[in-house]
Amino acid sequence: MKVRRQSSRLVKPCYEGNPPPTTGHIRLSVFDTVTFNTHIAVVYVFKPPMTPNAVVEQGLRTVLAEYREWAGRLSRDDEGHRVIFLNDEGVRFIEATVDCTLEEVMPFKLSSTLLSLHPSLNGVEELVQVQLTRFTCGSLVLGFTAQHLVADGQSTSNFLIAWGRAARGLKMDPLPLHDRAIFTPRDPPVFEFEHRGVEFMTTRLNDKLQLPIFEPLLEGGKDENVIVHKAHFTREFLSNLKVKATSAHDKPYSTFESLLAHLWRTITKARGLNDYEMTEVRISVNGRSRLIPHVSNEYFGNLVLWAFPRAGVRELLREPLHHAAKLIHDSVTKVNDSYFKSFIDFASSKEEETKDLVPTANMSKSVLCPNIEVDSWLRFPFYELDFGGGSPFLFMPSYFPVEGMLFLLPSFMGDGSIDAIVPLFKHNLDSFKKSCYSLD
């Protein structure tokens, strides 16, 4: 598949009436600055008939008038705080073509080939990048990249749906909530939980962990040792897994908790780790429904912290599945209103103990073993994006060859099944495949 890029330009907001000033800025919140400082790339596949590029572009101009942050630039204010300058510089918009039909290249393999379907993630000044790739059959692939410091998955999916509505000439409803100053620390602050070594680490430790291996892979390089595998779990398998994960004395665990427990154990077994090693999972926890009072789902920005269930390898593999599910459930439950408010107080503090700290959310690692990280996109309405030709046929993350970095997303079949994107070392993959569909 040879992708030919035909044009590249900046697309700026289109306002009704007089445009707003372009000298303002928005300070990033404590949840923005603690998250991953990187672009995240996703790929949408639409079958014909599909809306013309010009209509998609005009919809983007329209939606950027409401979501001005995406058209701005990251910088620092006079006090040194990270901010988004609302200067309307615009987002990158690329048009490309492929000299074949979509059917000739489907299904897309989780390989470096996907990198040609979206703009490069390296050295990016724009906060959003878009690539529209047309196939000879009329199909369209939308490659979308967004800077994570600006917004989390919930906010980004809301933006994408609003973009589709704008392209169809519909009203953007509901509108986003843009106030990032709502997370005010208490006075006096209450550090009820430990945040050093959890969301933050010292700069000294961070320097030791810097392994600049991942960036070359994003530019099209290929690590032959890491294979990005997709495991498909049917609705029937997931139902049986939930039954097995729930002991006689527990309430049923969620599909997410049951599947993650299964994957944690299966990956740990496939890696062949020493019995006495420790393994943990980094799990994103959305704070919108956990903070009291609740924060609207339309809040635009980041509002995520993490849970870190942990176990010894021997404990994890010898105990039954429901033990791992309980570790996950209990860990996520603890990231509650009190925990979020403790984090706000700690991250907002100017005391000596909070200095010389950097986020543990670090994209420099290419290997997470013996740990894993999971991004669950199961509740995000990505399949509701519609530019006028209907919902996408397929949605997937781009090629992301970080060993142990999992993505969970609803299958394009729409039948309740789930696809798990699992990057593993090549020599561990056969073992994983042999046991990932076993309930024993």
Protein backbone atom coordinates (compact mmCIF):
# COMPACT_ATOMS: atom_id res chain seq x y z
CA MET A 1 0.00 0.00 0.00
CA LYS A 2 1.67 3.21 -1.20
CA VAL A 3 0.19 6.37 0.30
CA ARG A 4 0.70 9.56 -1.71
CA ARG A 5 0.22 12.80 0.18
CA GLN A 6 -1.33 15.36 -2.15
CA SER A 7 -1.56 18.44 0.07
CA SER A 8 -0.76 19.70 3.56
CA ARG A 9 -2.02 22.92 5.14
CA LEU A 10 -3.17 24.52 8.36
CA VAL A 11 -6.92 24.66 8.99
CA LYS A 12 -8.09 27.47 11.28
CA PRO A 13 -11.37 28.09 13.12
CA CYS A 14 -14.28 29.63 11.22
CA TYR A 15 -16.32 31.95 13.44
CA GLU A 16 -19.79 33.37 13.08
CA GLY A 17 -19.49 37.12 13.45
CA ASN A 18 -16.39 38.78 14.84
CA PRO A 19 -13.57 36.37 15.80
CA PRO A 20 -12.36 36.41 19.43
CA PRO A 21 -8.96 37.85 20.42
CA THR A 22 -5.97 35.59 19.72
CA THR A 23 -3.90 36.81 22.67
CA GLY A 24 -5.52 34.79 25.43
CA HIS A 25 -4.36 31.56 27.02
CA ILE A 26 -5.62 28.73 29.25
CA ARG A 27 -3.43 27.35 32.01
CA LEU A 28 -3.17 23.56 32.04
CA SER A 29 -4.72 21.89 35.08
CA VAL A 30 -2.92 19.53 37.46
CA PHE A 31 -4.53 16.65 35.56
CA ASP A 32 -3.20 17.93 32.24
CA THR A 33 0.37 18.34 33.41
CA VAL A 34 0.55 14.90 35.06
CA THR A 35 -0.49 12.94 31.98
CA PHE A 36 1.50 11.67 29.00
CA ASN A 37 3.21 14.42 27.00
CA THR A 38 2.72 12.90 23.57
CA HIS A 39 0.46 12.71 20.54
CA ILE A 40 -1.91 9.73 20.42
CA ALA A 41 -2.83 8.45 16.95
CA VAL A 42 -6.00 6.60 15.92
CA VAL A 43 -7.34 5.39 12.58
CA TYR A 44 -10.95 5.39 11.35
CA VAL A 45 -12.08 3.51 8.25
CA PHE A 46 -15.22 4.62 6.37
CA LYS A 47 -16.79 2.75 3.48
CA PRO A 48 -18.43 4.57 0.55
CA PRO A 49 -20.43 6.60 -0.11
CA MET A 50 -18.36 9.08 1.89
CA THR A 51 -18.61 12.83 2.37
CA PRO A 52 -16.23 14.92 0.20
CA ASN A 53 -13.01 16.16 1.82
CA ALA A 54 -14.15 19.79 1.49
CA VAL A 55 -17.20 19.10 3.66
CA VAL A 56 -15.10 17.31 6.29
CA GLU A 57 -12.66 20.24 6.28
CA GLN A 58 -15.40 22.84 6.67
CA GLY A 59 -16.86 20.85 9.55
CA LEU A 60 -13.41 20.95 11.17
CA ARG A 61 -13.21 24.73 10.76
CA THR A 62 -16.64 25.06 12.36
CA VAL A 63 -15.96 22.79 15.34
CA LEU A 64 -12.61 24.47 16.03
CA ALA A 65 -14.50 27.69 16.72
CA GLU A 66 -15.93 25.93 19.81
CA TYR A 67 -12.88 23.79 20.62
CA ARG A 68 -10.32 26.59 20.22
CA GLU A 69 -7.71 24.79 22.32
CA TRP A 70 -6.97 22.35 19.49
CA ALA A 71 -6.14 25.24 17.14
CA GLY A 72 -3.77 26.81 19.67
CA ARG A 73 -0.20 26.08 20.74
CA LEU A 74 1.43 24.85 23.94
CA SER A 75 3.82 27.22 25.68
CA ARG A 76 4.47 28.79 29.10
CA ASP A 77 3.14 31.97 30.64
CA ASP A 78 5.18 34.64 32.42
CA GLU A 79 5.12 32.59 35.64
CA GLY A 80 6.45 29.48 33.92
CA HIS A 81 3.16 27.53 33.95
CA ARG A 82 2.25 25.34 30.98
CA VAL A 83 -0.54 26.96 28.99
CA ILE A 84 -2.44 26.67 25.72
CA PHE A 85 -2.22 29.91 23.76
CA LEU A 86 -5.53 30.51 21.99
CA ASN A 87 -3.84 32.00 18.95
CA ASP A 88 -5.86 30.13 16.29
CA GLU A 89 -2.68 28.99 14.51
CA GLY A 90 -4.65 25.98 13.29
CA VAL A 91 -4.43 22.20 12.97
CA ARG A 92 -2.52 20.22 10.35
CA PHE A 93 -4.75 18.93 7.53
CA ILE A 94 -3.32 16.46 5.00
CA GLU A 95 -5.04 14.94 1.96
CA ALA A 96 -3.68 11.69 0.54
CA THR A 97 -4.58 8.94 -1.92
CA VAL A 98 -3.90 5.23 -2.39
CA ASP A 99 -3.92 3.53 -5.83
CA CYS A 100 -5.95 0.50 -4.73
CA THR A 101 -9.27 -0.43 -3.20
CA LEU A 102 -9.78 -0.82 0.54
CA GLU A 103 -10.68 -4.48 0.04
CA GLU A 104 -7.24 -5.15 -1.44
CA VAL A 105 -5.46 -4.13 1.79
CA MET A 106 -7.96 -5.25 4.44
CA PRO A 107 -7.67 -6.35 7.13
CA PHE A 108 -5.13 -3.79 8.29
CA LYS A 109 -2.20 -5.42 10.04
CA LEU A 110 -0.97 -3.93 13.30
CA SER A 111 2.36 -3.00 11.78
CA SER A 112 4.38 0.05 10.81
CA THR A 113 2.27 0.29 7.64
CA LEU A 114 -0.38 2.06 9.73
CA LEU A 115 2.04 4.96 10.28
CA SER A 116 1.53 6.07 6.67
CA LEU A 117 -2.18 6.64 7.36
CA HIS A 118 -1.67 9.51 9.79
CA PRO A 119 0.81 12.41 10.16
CA SER A 120 4.12 11.87 11.93
CA LEU A 121 4.11 12.08 15.73
CA ASN A 122 7.61 13.50 16.01
CA GLY A 123 8.43 17.16 16.47
CA VAL A 124 4.79 18.21 16.20
CA GLU A 125 3.86 21.83 16.94
CA GLU A 126 0.16 21.47 16.09
CA LEU A 127 -2.09 20.05 18.81
CA VAL A 128 -4.25 18.12 16.34
CA GLN A 129 -3.31 16.58 13.00
CA VAL A 130 -5.68 15.10 10.43
CA GLN A 131 -4.99 12.98 7.37
CA LEU A 132 -7.73 12.00 4.91
CA THR A 133 -6.62 9.08 2.73
CA ARG A 134 -8.90 8.18 -0.20
CA PHE A 135 -8.97 4.76 -1.85
CA THR A 136 -9.97 4.14 -5.46
CA CYS A 137 -13.23 2.52 -4.32
CA GLY A 138 -14.30 5.71 -2.54
CA SER A 139 -13.45 4.49 0.96
CA LEU A 140 -11.84 6.95 3.36
CA VAL A 141 -9.32 6.45 6.15
CA LEU A 142 -9.16 9.22 8.72
CA GLY A 143 -5.84 9.34 10.57
CA PHE A 144 -6.18 11.54 13.66
CA THR A 145 -3.48 12.54 16.15
CA ALA A 146 -4.00 14.67 19.26
CA GLN A 147 -1.71 16.00 21.99
CA HIS A 148 -2.66 14.21 25.22
CA LEU A 149 -1.75 17.22 27.41
CA VAL A 150 -4.77 19.02 25.94
CA ALA A 151 -7.46 16.37 26.41
CA ASP A 152 -8.13 12.78 27.49
CA GLY A 153 -10.03 10.09 25.61
CA GLN A 154 -13.45 11.19 26.88
CA SER A 155 -12.90 14.78 25.74
CA THR A 156 -11.37 13.77 22.43
CA SER A 157 -14.25 11.45 21.55
CA ASN A 158 -16.70 14.27 22.37
CA PHE A 159 -14.76 16.55 20.02
CA LEU A 160 -14.80 14.01 17.21
CA ILE A 161 -18.57 13.51 17.50
CA ALA A 162 -19.06 17.30 17.47
CA TRP A 163 -16.88 17.50 14.34
CA GLY A 164 -19.12 14.97 12.60
CA ARG A 165 -22.25 16.91 13.59
CA ALA A 166 -20.72 20.16 12.29
CA ALA A 167 -19.90 18.48 8.96
CA ARG A 168 -23.57 17.45 8.69
CA GLY A 169 -24.74 20.99 9.43
CA LEU A 170 -26.12 20.02 12.85
CA LYS A 171 -25.89 21.95 16.09
CA MET A 172 -23.10 21.02 18.49
CA ASP A 173 -25.04 19.77 21.49
CA PRO A 174 -24.08 19.51 24.29
CA LEU A 175 -21.32 22.14 24.27
CA PRO A 176 -18.00 21.47 26.00
CA LEU A 177 -17.13 22.83 29.44
CA HIS A 178 -13.82 24.71 29.04
CA ASP A 179 -13.09 25.86 32.61
CA ARG A 180 -9.86 24.14 33.72
CA ALA A 181 -9.67 26.25 36.89
CA ILE A 182 -12.39 24.26 38.68
CA PHE A 183 -9.87 22.00 40.46
CA THR A 184 -8.98 24.25 43.38
CA PRO A 185 -6.91 22.86 46.28
CA ARG A 186 -8.27 22.90 49.81
CA ASP A 187 -6.97 25.36 52.39
CA PRO A 188 -5.18 23.98 54.23
CA PRO A 189 -4.22 21.14 51.88
CA VAL A 190 -4.78 17.54 52.99
CA PHE A 191 -2.27 15.01 51.66
CA GLU A 192 -4.37 12.01 52.61
CA PHE A 193 -2.57 9.62 50.23
CA GLU A 194 0.96 9.11 48.97
CA HIS A 195 1.57 10.62 45.52
CA ARG A 196 5.38 10.48 45.36
CA GLY A 197 6.22 7.28 43.53
CA VAL A 198 2.64 7.02 42.22
CA GLU A 199 1.79 9.95 39.92
CA PHE A 200 5.17 11.62 40.49
CA MET A 201 8.81 10.61 40.73
CA THR A 202 12.01 12.54 41.31
CA THR A 203 13.84 14.00 38.31
CA ARG A 204 16.85 11.90 39.32
CA LEU A 205 14.90 8.66 38.95
CA ASN A 206 13.34 9.90 35.72
CA ASP A 207 16.80 10.50 34.23
CA LYS A 208 17.71 6.87 34.93
CA LEU A 209 14.52 5.65 33.24
CA GLN A 210 14.98 7.65 30.03
CA LEU A 211 15.24 5.11 27.24
CA PRO A 212 14.77 7.02 23.95
CA ILE A 213 13.90 3.94 21.94
CA PHE A 214 10.25 4.51 21.12
CA GLU A 215 10.47 7.63 18.92
CA PRO A 216 12.39 5.98 16.05
CA LEU A 217 9.75 3.25 15.98
CA LEU A 218 7.04 5.87 15.45
CA GLU A 219 8.91 7.19 12.45
CA GLY A 220 8.57 3.88 10.67
CA GLY A 221 11.30 1.80 12.23
CA LYS A 222 10.49 -1.74 13.23
CA ASP A 223 11.46 -3.61 16.35
CA GLU A 224 11.51 -7.23 15.19
CA ASN A 225 11.38 -8.40 18.82
CA VAL A 226 7.96 -6.88 19.60
CA ILE A 227 4.83 -8.13 17.83
CA VAL A 228 1.56 -6.20 18.19
CA HIS A 229 -1.07 -8.93 18.43
CA LYS A 230 -4.85 -8.56 18.35
CA ALA A 231 -6.86 -11.00 20.45
CA HIS A 232 -10.61 -11.17 19.79
CA PHE A 233 -12.88 -12.17 22.68
CA THR A 234 -16.45 -13.13 21.82
CA ARG A 235 -19.43 -12.10 23.90
CA GLU A 236 -19.92 -15.74 24.94
CA PHE A 237 -16.30 -16.07 26.09
CA LEU A 238 -16.55 -12.81 28.06
CA SER A 239 -19.76 -13.97 29.74
CA ASN A 240 -18.12 -17.23 30.81
CA LEU A 241 -15.04 -15.34 31.96
CA LYS A 242 -17.14 -13.09 34.21
CA VAL A 243 -18.72 -16.16 35.83
CA LYS A 244 -15.30 -17.69 36.45
CA ALA A 245 -13.87 -14.42 37.81
CA THR A 246 -16.62 -14.10 40.41
CA SER A 247 -16.33 -16.23 43.52
CA ALA A 248 -19.38 -17.41 45.45
CA HIS A 249 -19.05 -14.59 47.99
CA ASP A 250 -18.44 -11.67 45.64
CA LYS A 251 -20.65 -9.43 43.57
CA PRO A 252 -20.05 -9.99 39.85
CA TYR A 253 -16.99 -8.22 38.52
CA SER A 254 -17.33 -6.09 35.41
CA THR A 255 -16.39 -7.33 31.96
CA PHE A 256 -13.39 -4.98 32.06
CA GLU A 257 -12.17 -6.27 35.44
CA SER A 258 -12.63 -9.91 34.43
CA LEU A 259 -10.91 -9.57 31.07
CA LEU A 260 -8.02 -7.52 32.45
CA ALA A 261 -7.49 -10.06 35.23
CA HIS A 262 -7.36 -12.79 32.61
CA LEU A 263 -4.93 -10.85 30.40
CA TRP A 264 -2.70 -9.92 33.34
CA ARG A 265 -2.33 -13.58 34.32
CA THR A 266 -1.98 -14.80 30.72
CA ILE A 267 0.69 -12.24 29.82
CA THR A 268 2.58 -12.89 33.06
CA LYS A 269 2.57 -16.62 32.34
CA ALA A 270 3.67 -16.09 28.74
CA ARG A 271 6.60 -13.94 29.84
CA GLY A 272 7.99 -16.78 31.97
CA LEU A 273 8.76 -14.48 34.89
CA ASN A 274 10.44 -15.58 38.11
CA ASP A 275 8.00 -16.57 40.85
CA TYR A 276 9.37 -13.93 43.19
CA GLU A 277 9.16 -10.97 40.82
CA MET A 278 6.47 -8.34 41.36
CA THR A 279 4.12 -7.27 38.59
CA GLU A 280 1.66 -4.38 38.47
CA VAL A 281 -0.94 -2.91 36.12
CA ARG A 282 -1.38 0.79 35.38
CA ILE A 283 -5.11 1.44 34.87
CA SER A 284 -6.62 4.77 33.82
CA VAL A 285 -9.45 5.95 36.09
CA ASN A 286 -11.82 8.67 34.86
CA GLY A 287 -12.51 11.19 37.62
CA ARG A 288 -15.67 12.76 36.20
CA SER A 289 -18.04 10.45 38.05
CA ARG A 290 -15.74 9.93 41.05
CA LEU A 291 -15.30 13.51 42.18
CA ILE A 292 -18.07 14.87 44.40
CA PRO A 293 -19.82 16.88 43.10
CA HIS A 294 -19.50 15.05 39.79
CA VAL A 295 -17.85 16.77 36.85
CA SER A 296 -19.80 16.91 33.62
CA ASN A 297 -18.90 14.41 30.90
CA GLU A 298 -18.62 17.46 28.64
CA TYR A 299 -15.62 18.77 30.61
CA PHE A 300 -12.86 19.37 28.05
CA GLY A 301 -9.38 18.50 29.26
CA ASN A 302 -7.78 15.68 31.22
CA LEU A 303 -9.43 14.24 34.30
CA VAL A 304 -7.71 10.89 34.76
CA LEU A 305 -5.56 9.30 37.45
CA TRP A 306 -4.39 5.72 37.72
CA ALA A 307 -4.86 2.61 39.82
CA PHE A 308 -1.92 0.24 40.34
CA PRO A 309 -2.95 -3.28 41.40
CA ARG A 310 0.17 -5.26 42.31
CA ALA A 311 1.01 -8.88 43.02
CA GLY A 312 3.86 -11.35 43.15
CA VAL A 313 4.10 -13.58 40.08
CA ARG A 314 3.64 -16.74 42.13
CA GLU A 315 0.59 -15.28 43.90
CA LEU A 316 -0.96 -14.08 40.65
CA LEU A 317 -0.61 -17.39 38.82
CA ARG A 318 -1.35 -19.82 41.67
CA GLU A 319 -4.43 -18.06 42.99
CA PRO A 320 -7.66 -18.38 40.93
CA LEU A 321 -8.84 -15.76 38.44
CA HIS A 322 -11.14 -14.04 40.91
CA HIS A 323 -8.12 -13.16 43.08
CA ALA A 324 -6.64 -11.06 40.25
CA ALA A 325 -10.07 -9.56 39.53
CA LYS A 326 -10.41 -8.57 43.20
CA LEU A 327 -6.97 -6.94 43.20
CA ILE A 328 -8.00 -4.87 40.18
CA HIS A 329 -11.44 -4.01 41.55
CA ASP A 330 -10.16 -2.98 44.98
CA SER A 331 -7.35 -0.88 43.52
CA VAL A 332 -9.65 1.01 41.16
CA THR A 333 -12.24 1.53 43.92
CA LYS A 334 -9.62 3.30 46.07
CA VAL A 335 -9.16 5.99 43.40
CA ASN A 336 -12.22 7.81 44.70
CA ASP A 337 -13.26 11.38 45.54
CA SER A 338 -10.89 11.55 48.51
CA TYR A 339 -7.99 10.32 46.41
CA PHE A 340 -8.63 12.79 43.59
CA LYS A 341 -8.87 15.69 46.05
CA SER A 342 -5.69 14.60 47.82
CA PHE A 343 -3.97 14.59 44.42
CA ILE A 344 -5.26 18.09 43.62
CA ASP A 345 -3.87 19.37 46.93
CA PHE A 346 -0.50 17.68 46.44
CA ALA A 347 -0.05 18.64 42.77
CA SER A 348 -1.05 22.25 43.52
CA SER A 349 1.29 22.58 46.49
CA LYS A 350 4.35 24.80 46.35
CA GLU A 351 5.93 23.18 49.41
CA GLU A 352 9.47 21.87 49.30
CA GLU A 353 8.39 18.23 49.27
CA THR A 354 6.62 18.65 45.92
CA LYS A 355 9.60 20.22 44.15
CA ASP A 356 11.98 18.34 41.87
CA LEU A 357 9.17 15.97 40.82
CA VAL A 358 8.06 14.89 37.34
CA PRO A 359 5.12 12.72 36.22
CA THR A 360 5.50 8.93 36.17
CA ALA A 361 3.40 8.96 32.98
CA ASN A 362 6.43 8.51 30.76
CA MET A 363 6.45 7.63 27.07
CA SER A 364 10.17 6.93 26.83
CA LYS A 365 9.85 3.23 27.67
CA SER A 366 9.57 0.65 24.90
CA VAL A 367 9.34 -2.30 27.32
CA LEU A 368 7.01 -2.46 30.35
CA CYS A 369 7.83 -6.02 31.49
CA PRO A 370 7.20 -7.25 34.21
CA ASN A 371 4.37 -4.70 34.32
CA ILE A 372 1.55 -3.88 31.95
CA GLU A 373 -0.48 -0.78 31.20
CA VAL A 374 -4.02 -0.76 29.86
CA ASP A 375 -6.01 1.91 28.05
CA SER A 376 -9.67 0.94 27.99
CA TRP A 377 -11.65 2.57 25.20
CA LEU A 378 -14.69 0.38 25.83
CA ARG A 379 -16.95 3.24 26.96
CA PHE A 380 -15.86 5.92 24.50
CA PRO A 381 -18.38 6.52 21.69
CA PHE A 382 -15.79 6.49 18.90
CA TYR A 383 -18.16 4.64 16.56
CA GLU A 384 -20.64 7.55 16.73
CA LEU A 385 -18.43 9.70 14.50
CA ASP A 386 -20.45 10.44 11.35
CA PHE A 387 -19.50 13.01 8.69
CA GLY A 388 -22.65 12.30 6.68
CA GLY A 389 -21.83 8.92 5.15
CA GLY A 390 -22.52 6.84 8.25
CA SER A 391 -20.48 5.50 11.15
CA PRO A 392 -16.97 4.11 10.66
CA PHE A 393 -16.59 0.52 9.56
CA LEU A 394 -13.49 0.17 11.71
CA PHE A 395 -11.71 2.06 14.49
CA MET A 396 -8.28 1.20 15.89
CA PRO A 397 -5.19 2.68 17.51
CA SER A 398 -2.15 3.17 15.32
CA TYR A 399 0.95 0.99 15.46
CA PHE A 400 2.22 1.23 19.03
CA PRO A 401 5.00 -1.35 19.60
CA VAL A 402 5.51 -0.86 23.34
CA GLU A 403 5.78 -4.26 24.99
CA GLY A 404 3.03 -4.62 27.60
CA MET A 405 0.96 -1.57 26.51
CA LEU A 406 -2.60 -2.90 26.08
CA PHE A 407 -5.60 -1.32 24.39
CA LEU A 408 -9.13 -2.66 24.91
CA LEU A 409 -11.77 -1.56 22.42
CA PRO A 410 -15.19 -2.72 21.28
CA SER A 411 -15.08 -4.92 18.21
CA PHE A 412 -16.24 -3.40 14.93
CA MET A 413 -18.71 -6.30 14.74
CA GLY A 414 -20.91 -4.43 17.22
CA ASP A 415 -21.99 -7.66 18.93
CA GLY A 416 -20.54 -7.01 22.39
CA SER A 417 -17.22 -8.68 21.62
CA ILE A 418 -13.92 -7.01 22.55
CA ASP A 419 -10.59 -6.69 20.78
CA ALA A 420 -7.45 -6.55 22.91
CA ILE A 421 -4.32 -5.06 21.33
CA VAL A 422 -1.41 -6.84 23.03
CA PRO A 423 2.24 -6.02 22.14
CA LEU A 424 4.58 -8.78 23.30
CA PHE A 425 8.07 -10.04 22.64
CA LYS A 426 8.07 -12.42 19.71
CA HIS A 427 9.37 -15.31 21.81
CA ASN A 428 6.45 -14.90 24.28
CA LEU A 429 3.66 -14.71 21.69
CA ASP A 430 3.08 -18.44 21.08
CA SER A 431 2.66 -19.07 24.80
CA PHE A 432 0.17 -16.20 25.02
CA LYS A 433 -1.85 -17.50 22.08
CA LYS A 434 -2.07 -20.99 23.60
CA SER A 435 -3.63 -19.79 26.83
CA CYS A 436 -5.47 -16.54 26.07
CA TYR A 437 -8.69 -18.35 25.09
CA SER A 438 -8.49 -20.92 27.88
CA LEU A 439 -10.75 -20.67 30.91
CA ASP A 440 -8.74 -23.25 32.85
